Amino acid sequence: QVQLVESGGGLVQAGGSLRLSCAVSTSIFTINAMGWYRQAPGKQRELVAAITSGGRTNYVDSVKGRFTISRDNAKNTVYLQMNSLKPEDTAVYYCNADVSFYGTSSSYNNYWGQGTQVTVSS
């Protein structure tokens, strides 16, 4: 009932930029907060950036000033603009959407995208 499709990952040199997109398909849910997580080999998945339905954002300290999360509610899409990329940003990036039943505001569940690889070469 909820599908998240990610795109935009790839290989980029240090200092370069990538823009990740995550399109959420659902007809019975309202999307609340959305976020981007990443997981590097041998490490725990961590929250990179999150954005509420009202547009408030939060970032992990390591990406502040370099990454920008945004959303287009008309398209049910969340973006992660990644600038000044560093090799340390290399990871699989996953989008996440917290949803409520349409017409309600209480969280029902959250769903994950399939992941997209971001590789930053030095």
N, C-alpha and C. Protein backbone atom coordinates (compact mmCIF):
# COMPACT_ATOMS: atom_id res chain seq x y z
N GLN A 1 0.82 -1.21 0.00
CA GLN A 1 0.00 0.00 0.00
C GLN A 1 0.85 1.25 0.00
N VAL A 2 2.11 1.12 0.34
CA VAL A 2 3.04 2.24 0.32
C VAL A 2 4.32 1.78 -0.36
N GLN A 3 4.73 2.52 -1.35
CA GLN A 3 5.96 2.22 -2.06
C GLN A 3 6.83 3.45 -2.12
N LEU A 4 8.10 3.26 -1.85
CA LEU A 4 9.08 4.33 -1.93
C LEU A 4 10.12 3.93 -2.95
N VAL A 5 10.29 4.75 -3.96
CA VAL A 5 11.24 4.48 -5.03
C VAL A 5 12.30 5.57 -5.04
N GLU A 6 13.54 5.16 -4.83
CA GLU A 6 14.65 6.09 -4.76
C GLU A 6 15.40 6.15 -6.08
N SER A 7 16.01 7.28 -6.31
CA SER A 7 16.86 7.46 -7.47
C SER A 7 17.88 8.55 -7.18
N GLY A 8 18.90 8.63 -8.01
CA GLY A 8 19.86 9.71 -7.92
C GLY A 8 21.22 9.34 -7.38
N GLY A 9 21.38 8.13 -6.89
CA GLY A 9 22.67 7.73 -6.40
C GLY A 9 23.66 7.53 -7.52
N GLY A 10 24.91 7.37 -7.15
CA GLY A 10 25.94 7.16 -8.15
C GLY A 10 27.31 7.40 -7.60
N LEU A 11 28.24 7.52 -8.51
CA LEU A 11 29.65 7.74 -8.18
C LEU A 11 30.01 9.18 -8.48
N VAL A 12 30.64 9.83 -7.53
CA VAL A 12 31.02 11.22 -7.70
C VAL A 12 32.35 11.46 -7.00
N GLN A 13 33.11 12.40 -7.52
CA GLN A 13 34.37 12.76 -6.89
C GLN A 13 34.13 13.62 -5.66
N ALA A 14 35.09 13.56 -4.75
CA ALA A 14 35.01 14.42 -3.57
C ALA A 14 34.85 15.87 -3.99
N GLY A 15 33.96 16.55 -3.29
CA GLY A 15 33.65 17.93 -3.63
C GLY A 15 32.50 18.08 -4.58
N GLY A 16 32.07 16.99 -5.17
CA GLY A 16 30.97 17.03 -6.11
C GLY A 16 29.62 16.99 -5.42
N SER A 17 28.59 16.89 -6.24
CA SER A 17 27.22 16.94 -5.75
C SER A 17 26.38 15.82 -6.34
N LEU A 18 25.40 15.41 -5.59
CA LEU A 18 24.37 14.49 -6.04
C LEU A 18 23.05 14.93 -5.45
N ARG A 19 21.98 14.59 -6.14
CA ARG A 19 20.65 14.87 -5.64
C ARG A 19 19.85 13.58 -5.63
N LEU A 20 19.47 13.15 -4.45
CA LEU A 20 18.67 11.96 -4.30
C LEU A 20 17.19 12.32 -4.29
N SER A 21 16.40 11.46 -4.88
CA SER A 21 14.96 11.64 -4.89
C SER A 21 14.29 10.38 -4.37
N CYS A 22 13.18 10.56 -3.72
CA CYS A 22 12.39 9.44 -3.23
C CYS A 22 10.93 9.77 -3.43
N ALA A 23 10.29 9.04 -4.32
CA ALA A 23 8.89 9.25 -4.61
C ALA A 23 8.05 8.23 -3.85
N VAL A 24 7.07 8.72 -3.14
CA VAL A 24 6.22 7.87 -2.32
C VAL A 24 4.87 7.71 -2.99
N SER A 25 4.46 6.48 -3.16
CA SER A 25 3.17 6.18 -3.78
C SER A 25 2.23 5.59 -2.73
N THR A 26 1.15 6.28 -2.49
CA THR A 26 0.14 5.80 -1.56
C THR A 26 -1.15 6.55 -1.81
N SER A 27 -2.26 5.87 -1.63
CA SER A 27 -3.55 6.50 -1.82
C SER A 27 -4.37 6.59 -0.54
N ILE A 28 -4.02 5.81 0.46
CA ILE A 28 -4.80 5.79 1.69
C ILE A 28 -4.08 6.41 2.87
N PHE A 29 -2.84 6.82 2.68
CA PHE A 29 -2.07 7.40 3.76
C PHE A 29 -1.70 8.84 3.46
N THR A 30 -1.54 9.57 4.53
CA THR A 30 -0.97 10.91 4.47
C THR A 30 0.46 10.82 4.97
N ILE A 31 1.37 11.43 4.26
CA ILE A 31 2.77 11.38 4.62
C ILE A 31 3.08 12.43 5.67
N ASN A 32 3.67 11.99 6.75
CA ASN A 32 4.08 12.91 7.81
C ASN A 32 5.54 13.28 7.58
N ALA A 33 6.39 12.98 8.53
CA ALA A 33 7.80 13.28 8.36
C ALA A 33 8.44 12.32 7.37
N MET A 34 9.45 12.79 6.68
CA MET A 34 10.25 11.97 5.80
C MET A 34 11.72 12.19 6.14
N GLY A 35 12.51 11.19 5.87
CA GLY A 35 13.91 11.31 6.20
C GLY A 35 14.78 10.49 5.29
N TRP A 36 16.05 10.81 5.36
CA TRP A 36 17.08 10.06 4.66
C TRP A 36 18.02 9.45 5.69
N TYR A 37 18.27 8.18 5.54
CA TYR A 37 19.21 7.45 6.36
C TYR A 37 20.32 6.92 5.47
N ARG A 38 21.42 6.57 6.10
CA ARG A 38 22.49 5.94 5.34
C ARG A 38 23.15 4.86 6.18
N GLN A 39 23.71 3.90 5.48
CA GLN A 39 24.39 2.80 6.13
C GLN A 39 25.63 2.43 5.35
N ALA A 40 26.76 2.58 5.99
CA ALA A 40 28.03 2.18 5.41
C ALA A 40 28.35 0.76 5.85
N PRO A 41 29.19 0.06 5.10
CA PRO A 41 29.54 -1.31 5.47
C PRO A 41 30.07 -1.41 6.89
N GLY A 42 29.52 -2.34 7.65
CA GLY A 42 29.96 -2.56 9.01
C GLY A 42 29.48 -1.55 10.01
N LYS A 43 28.62 -0.64 9.60
CA LYS A 43 28.13 0.39 10.49
C LYS A 43 26.62 0.34 10.61
N GLN A 44 26.13 0.93 11.67
CA GLN A 44 24.69 1.03 11.88
C GLN A 44 24.09 2.07 10.94
N ARG A 45 22.84 1.85 10.62
CA ARG A 45 22.12 2.84 9.84
C ARG A 45 21.91 4.09 10.69
N GLU A 46 22.17 5.25 10.11
CA GLU A 46 22.03 6.49 10.84
C GLU A 46 21.12 7.46 10.10
N LEU A 47 20.44 8.27 10.86
CA LEU A 47 19.61 9.31 10.29
C LEU A 47 20.51 10.44 9.80
N VAL A 48 20.34 10.81 8.55
CA VAL A 48 21.11 11.89 7.95
C VAL A 48 20.34 13.20 8.01
N ALA A 49 19.10 13.16 7.59
CA ALA A 49 18.28 14.37 7.54
C ALA A 49 16.83 13.98 7.61
N ALA A 50 16.03 14.85 8.19
CA ALA A 50 14.60 14.62 8.30
C ALA A 50 13.86 15.92 8.06
N ILE A 51 12.64 15.80 7.59
CA ILE A 51 11.82 16.96 7.34
C ILE A 51 10.39 16.63 7.72
N THR A 52 9.76 17.53 8.44
CA THR A 52 8.39 17.33 8.86
C THR A 52 7.43 17.74 7.76
N SER A 53 6.17 17.44 7.97
CA SER A 53 5.16 17.84 6.99
C SER A 53 5.08 19.35 6.84
N GLY A 54 5.47 20.07 7.88
CA GLY A 54 5.46 21.53 7.83
C GLY A 54 6.75 22.15 7.32
N GLY A 55 7.73 21.32 7.00
CA GLY A 55 8.96 21.82 6.42
C GLY A 55 10.11 22.05 7.38
N ARG A 56 9.93 21.72 8.65
CA ARG A 56 11.04 21.83 9.59
C ARG A 56 12.04 20.71 9.34
N THR A 57 13.31 21.04 9.42
CA THR A 57 14.36 20.09 9.08
C THR A 57 15.31 19.86 10.23
N ASN A 58 16.00 18.73 10.15
CA ASN A 58 17.01 18.38 11.12
C ASN A 58 18.08 17.57 10.40
N TYR A 59 19.33 17.76 10.79
CA TYR A 59 20.45 17.09 10.15
C TYR A 59 21.41 16.54 11.17
N VAL A 60 22.06 15.47 10.80
CA VAL A 60 23.16 14.99 11.60
C VAL A 60 24.31 16.00 11.45
N ASP A 61 25.07 16.18 12.50
CA ASP A 61 26.08 17.23 12.51
C ASP A 61 27.07 17.12 11.35
N SER A 62 27.40 15.92 10.95
CA SER A 62 28.42 15.73 9.94
C SER A 62 28.03 16.24 8.56
N VAL A 63 26.75 16.49 8.32
CA VAL A 63 26.32 16.95 7.00
C VAL A 63 25.77 18.36 7.01
N LYS A 64 25.69 18.97 8.16
CA LYS A 64 25.15 20.33 8.25
C LYS A 64 25.98 21.29 7.39
N GLY A 65 25.28 22.10 6.64
CA GLY A 65 25.94 23.04 5.75
C GLY A 65 26.27 22.47 4.39
N ARG A 66 26.17 21.15 4.23
CA ARG A 66 26.48 20.52 2.96
C ARG A 66 25.25 19.87 2.32
N PHE A 67 24.39 19.30 3.13
CA PHE A 67 23.20 18.61 2.62
C PHE A 67 21.96 19.44 2.90
N THR A 68 21.00 19.34 2.01
CA THR A 68 19.72 19.99 2.19
C THR A 68 18.60 19.02 1.86
N ILE A 69 17.71 18.84 2.81
CA ILE A 69 16.54 18.00 2.57
C ILE A 69 15.36 18.91 2.24
N SER A 70 14.56 18.48 1.30
CA SER A 70 13.38 19.23 0.91
C SER A 70 12.30 18.25 0.47
N ARG A 71 11.11 18.76 0.31
CA ARG A 71 10.02 17.90 -0.12
C ARG A 71 9.06 18.67 -1.01
N ASP A 72 8.44 17.96 -1.89
CA ASP A 72 7.42 18.48 -2.76
C ASP A 72 6.16 17.69 -2.45
N ASN A 73 5.29 18.27 -1.66
CA ASN A 73 4.11 17.54 -1.22
C ASN A 73 3.16 17.21 -2.36
N ALA A 74 3.13 18.06 -3.38
CA ALA A 74 2.28 17.79 -4.52
C ALA A 74 2.71 16.54 -5.27
N LYS A 75 4.00 16.23 -5.21
CA LYS A 75 4.54 15.06 -5.89
C LYS A 75 4.85 13.92 -4.94
N ASN A 76 4.59 14.12 -3.66
CA ASN A 76 4.92 13.11 -2.65
C ASN A 76 6.37 12.66 -2.77
N THR A 77 7.24 13.62 -2.90
CA THR A 77 8.65 13.33 -3.14
C THR A 77 9.52 14.08 -2.15
N VAL A 78 10.52 13.39 -1.64
CA VAL A 78 11.51 14.01 -0.78
C VAL A 78 12.85 13.96 -1.49
N TYR A 79 13.63 15.01 -1.32
CA TYR A 79 14.91 15.14 -1.98
C TYR A 79 16.02 15.31 -0.95
N LEU A 80 17.19 14.92 -1.33
CA LEU A 80 18.37 15.21 -0.55
C LEU A 80 19.43 15.75 -1.49
N GLN A 81 19.66 17.04 -1.42
CA GLN A 81 20.71 17.67 -2.19
C GLN A 81 22.00 17.57 -1.41
N MET A 82 22.98 16.91 -1.97
CA MET A 82 24.24 16.66 -1.30
C MET A 82 25.34 17.39 -2.04
N ASN A 83 25.91 18.38 -1.39
CA ASN A 83 27.01 19.15 -1.95
C ASN A 83 28.28 18.91 -1.15
N SER A 84 29.39 19.28 -1.74
CA SER A 84 30.69 19.14 -1.08
C SER A 84 30.87 17.74 -0.51
N LEU A 85 30.57 16.77 -1.31
CA LEU A 85 30.61 15.39 -0.84
C LEU A 85 32.01 14.96 -0.46
N LYS A 86 32.06 14.13 0.56
CA LYS A 86 33.31 13.59 1.08
C LYS A 86 33.29 12.07 0.98
N PRO A 87 34.46 11.45 0.92
CA PRO A 87 34.48 9.99 0.91
C PRO A 87 33.73 9.37 2.09
N GLU A 88 33.71 10.06 3.21
CA GLU A 88 33.01 9.58 4.39
C GLU A 88 31.50 9.52 4.20
N ASP A 89 30.99 10.16 3.15
CA ASP A 89 29.57 10.10 2.85
C ASP A 89 29.18 8.84 2.10
N THR A 90 30.15 8.06 1.70
CA THR A 90 29.88 6.84 0.96
C THR A 90 29.04 5.88 1.80
N ALA A 91 27.91 5.47 1.25
CA ALA A 91 27.00 4.60 1.96
C ALA A 91 25.82 4.28 1.05
N VAL A 92 25.00 3.36 1.49
CA VAL A 92 23.71 3.16 0.88
C VAL A 92 22.73 4.09 1.57
N TYR A 93 22.04 4.88 0.81
CA TYR A 93 21.10 5.85 1.35
C TYR A 93 19.68 5.33 1.19
N TYR A 94 18.93 5.41 2.27
CA TYR A 94 17.56 4.94 2.29
C TYR A 94 16.63 6.08 2.67
N CYS A 95 15.54 6.21 1.97
CA CYS A 95 14.53 7.16 2.40
C CYS A 95 13.50 6.46 3.26
N ASN A 96 12.85 7.24 4.08
CA ASN A 96 11.86 6.71 5.01
C ASN A 96 10.70 7.69 5.08
N ALA A 97 9.51 7.16 5.14
CA ALA A 97 8.32 7.98 5.26
C ALA A 97 7.45 7.48 6.39
N ASP A 98 7.11 8.37 7.27
CA ASP A 98 6.15 8.09 8.33
C ASP A 98 4.77 8.50 7.84
N VAL A 99 3.79 7.63 8.01
CA VAL A 99 2.48 7.89 7.42
C VAL A 99 1.38 7.75 8.45
N SER A 100 0.29 8.43 8.16
CA SER A 100 -0.96 8.31 8.90
C SER A 100 -2.05 7.93 7.93
N PHE A 101 -3.10 7.32 8.44
CA PHE A 101 -4.26 7.09 7.58
C PHE A 101 -4.79 8.42 7.07
N TYR A 102 -5.20 8.40 5.83
CA TYR A 102 -5.72 9.62 5.23
C TYR A 102 -6.85 10.19 6.08
N GLY A 103 -6.73 11.45 6.40
CA GLY A 103 -7.73 12.12 7.21
C GLY A 103 -7.45 12.11 8.69
N THR A 104 -6.34 11.49 9.10
CA THR A 104 -5.94 11.47 10.49
C THR A 104 -4.54 12.07 10.62
N SER A 105 -4.10 12.25 11.85
CA SER A 105 -2.78 12.82 12.09
C SER A 105 -1.87 11.94 12.92
N SER A 106 -2.40 10.88 13.49
CA SER A 106 -1.59 9.99 14.31
C SER A 106 -0.78 9.04 13.44
N SER A 107 0.47 8.85 13.79
CA SER A 107 1.34 7.98 13.03
C SER A 107 0.83 6.55 13.04
N TYR A 108 0.86 5.92 11.87
CA TYR A 108 0.46 4.53 11.73
C TYR A 108 1.68 3.63 11.58
N ASN A 109 2.58 4.01 10.70
CA ASN A 109 3.74 3.17 10.43
C ASN A 109 4.75 3.99 9.62
N ASN A 110 5.90 3.43 9.42
CA ASN A 110 6.86 4.04 8.51
C ASN A 110 7.37 3.00 7.52
N TYR A 111 7.79 3.49 6.37
CA TYR A 111 8.18 2.61 5.27
C TYR A 111 9.51 3.05 4.71
N TRP A 112 10.21 2.09 4.14
CA TRP A 112 11.56 2.31 3.64
C TRP A 112 11.64 2.17 2.13
N GLY A 113 12.52 2.97 1.55
CA GLY A 113 12.87 2.80 0.16
C GLY A 113 13.85 1.66 0.00
N GLN A 114 14.18 1.35 -1.24
CA GLN A 114 15.01 0.19 -1.52
C GLN A 114 16.50 0.46 -1.31
N GLY A 115 16.87 1.69 -1.16
CA GLY A 115 18.26 2.06 -0.99
C GLY A 115 18.92 2.41 -2.31
N THR A 116 19.78 3.39 -2.27
CA THR A 116 20.55 3.78 -3.44
C THR A 116 21.99 4.04 -3.02
N GLN A 117 22.91 3.52 -3.79
CA GLN A 117 24.32 3.61 -3.44
C GLN A 117 24.89 4.97 -3.81
N VAL A 118 25.56 5.57 -2.86
CA VAL A 118 26.32 6.79 -3.09
C VAL A 118 27.77 6.49 -2.80
N THR A 119 28.61 6.69 -3.78
CA THR A 119 30.03 6.45 -3.62
C THR A 119 30.79 7.71 -3.96
N VAL A 120 31.62 8.16 -3.04
CA VAL A 120 32.39 9.38 -3.21
C VAL A 120 33.86 8.99 -3.24
N SER A 121 34.51 9.26 -4.34
CA SER A 121 35.91 8.93 -4.50
C SER A 121 36.78 10.12 -4.09
N SER A 122 37.96 9.81 -3.58
CA SER A 122 38.88 10.84 -3.15
C SER A 122 39.84 11.22 -4.26
